[in-house]
Amino acid sequence: MPEEYSIAEARNHFARIIHNAENGKPIQITRRGKPVAVVLSVDEYQRLTSERLEFGTGLMQFRQKYEIEVLDIHPDQVFNDVRDRTGGREIIF
């Protein structure tokens, strides 16, 4: 749970709130006990608002970054046998 300040408290502790946000700790701001805003670091904000890659593009970048072929992992076999193919469990109604 993030640290929480009312708007009035936030005015008095602004420097501390910014310091905590810079260090990766989100701060929730409330008005009359209800959350109205969150103070985040720029890094966290950019992470949350950046465009998401399609799965295939992300997988290709991952393979290039970590060179899985060098680790003797064949790219086409990475996801084989990951899912349990059994019929599942019996459910009694």
Protein backbone atom coordinates (compact mmCIF):
# COMPACT_ATOMS: atom_id res chain seq x y z
CA MET A 1 0.00 0.00 0.00
CA PRO A 2 1.48 3.36 -0.98
CA GLU A 3 2.15 6.06 1.55
CA GLU A 4 -0.81 8.44 1.79
CA TYR A 5 -1.14 12.19 2.39
CA SER A 6 -4.10 14.52 2.37
CA ILE A 7 -3.77 17.54 0.10
CA ALA A 8 -3.08 19.75 3.14
CA GLU A 9 -0.39 17.34 4.43
CA ALA A 10 1.10 17.12 0.93
CA ARG A 11 1.65 20.89 0.90
CA ASN A 12 3.61 20.65 4.15
CA HIS A 13 5.65 17.58 3.09
CA PHE A 14 6.12 18.31 -0.61
CA ALA A 15 9.92 17.84 -0.61
CA ARG A 16 9.63 14.48 1.20
CA ILE A 17 6.92 13.29 -1.20
CA ILE A 18 9.03 14.16 -4.24
CA HIS A 19 12.11 12.50 -2.70
CA ASN A 20 10.16 9.29 -1.99
CA ALA A 21 8.68 9.26 -5.50
CA GLU A 22 12.16 9.72 -7.01
CA ASN A 23 13.28 6.68 -5.04
CA GLY A 24 10.50 4.53 -6.49
CA LYS A 25 7.94 4.81 -3.70
CA PRO A 26 4.53 5.94 -5.03
CA ILE A 27 2.65 8.45 -2.88
CA GLN A 28 -1.14 8.61 -2.85
CA ILE A 29 -2.82 12.00 -2.36
CA THR A 30 -6.31 12.11 -0.87
CA ARG A 31 -9.12 14.66 -0.58
CA ARG A 32 -11.56 14.09 2.27
CA GLY A 33 -10.18 10.57 2.68
CA LYS A 34 -10.68 9.53 -0.94
CA PRO A 35 -7.72 8.95 -3.30
CA VAL A 36 -7.46 11.62 -6.01
CA ALA A 37 -3.87 11.41 -7.30
CA VAL A 38 -0.63 9.45 -7.16
CA VAL A 39 2.88 10.91 -7.32
CA LEU A 40 5.30 8.65 -9.25
CA SER A 41 8.88 8.88 -10.40
CA VAL A 42 9.43 9.87 -14.01
CA ASP A 43 10.87 6.40 -14.74
CA GLU A 44 7.75 4.67 -13.42
CA TYR A 45 5.47 7.08 -15.28
CA GLN A 46 7.32 6.46 -18.56
CA ARG A 47 7.18 2.70 -18.02
CA LEU A 48 3.42 2.85 -17.47
CA THR A 49 2.70 5.12 -20.44
CA SER A 50 5.07 3.66 -23.02
CA GLU A 51 3.71 1.77 -25.99
CA ARG A 52 3.57 -1.96 -25.53
CA LEU A 53 5.24 -4.25 -28.02
CA GLU A 54 3.40 -6.99 -29.82
CA PHE A 55 4.33 -10.41 -28.48
CA GLY A 56 6.31 -11.44 -31.57
CA THR A 57 8.34 -8.23 -31.57
CA GLY A 58 9.09 -8.56 -27.87
CA LEU A 59 10.09 -12.21 -28.28
CA MET A 60 12.44 -11.33 -31.14
CA GLN A 61 14.07 -8.57 -29.06
CA PHE A 62 14.41 -10.95 -26.11
CA ARG A 63 16.09 -13.56 -28.32
CA GLN A 64 18.50 -10.98 -29.72
CA LYS A 65 19.33 -9.55 -26.31
CA TYR A 66 19.97 -12.87 -24.59
CA GLU A 67 21.26 -14.86 -27.58
CA ILE A 68 19.48 -18.06 -26.61
CA GLU A 69 21.14 -19.92 -29.48
CA VAL A 70 24.51 -19.37 -27.78
CA LEU A 71 23.05 -20.99 -24.66
CA ASP A 72 22.24 -24.05 -26.78
CA ILE A 73 18.50 -23.39 -26.60
CA HIS A 74 16.78 -23.88 -29.95
CA PRO A 75 14.32 -20.99 -30.52
CA ASP A 76 11.55 -23.26 -31.84
CA GLN A 77 11.68 -25.51 -28.78
CA VAL A 78 11.50 -22.84 -26.09
CA PHE A 79 7.72 -23.14 -25.64
CA ASN A 80 7.22 -26.83 -26.38
CA ASP A 81 5.87 -28.91 -23.52
CA VAL A 82 5.15 -25.84 -21.39
CA ARG A 83 1.43 -26.47 -21.08
CA ASP A 84 -0.03 -29.52 -19.35
CA ARG A 85 -2.10 -31.26 -22.04
CA THR A 86 -4.10 -33.49 -19.68
CA GLY A 87 -7.87 -33.22 -19.62
CA GLY A 88 -7.97 -31.35 -16.33
CA ARG A 89 -9.59 -32.25 -13.07
CA GLU A 90 -12.99 -33.75 -12.49
CA ILE A 91 -15.60 -31.36 -11.11
CA ILE A 92 -18.65 -32.64 -9.27
CA PHE A 93 -21.71 -30.36 -9.27
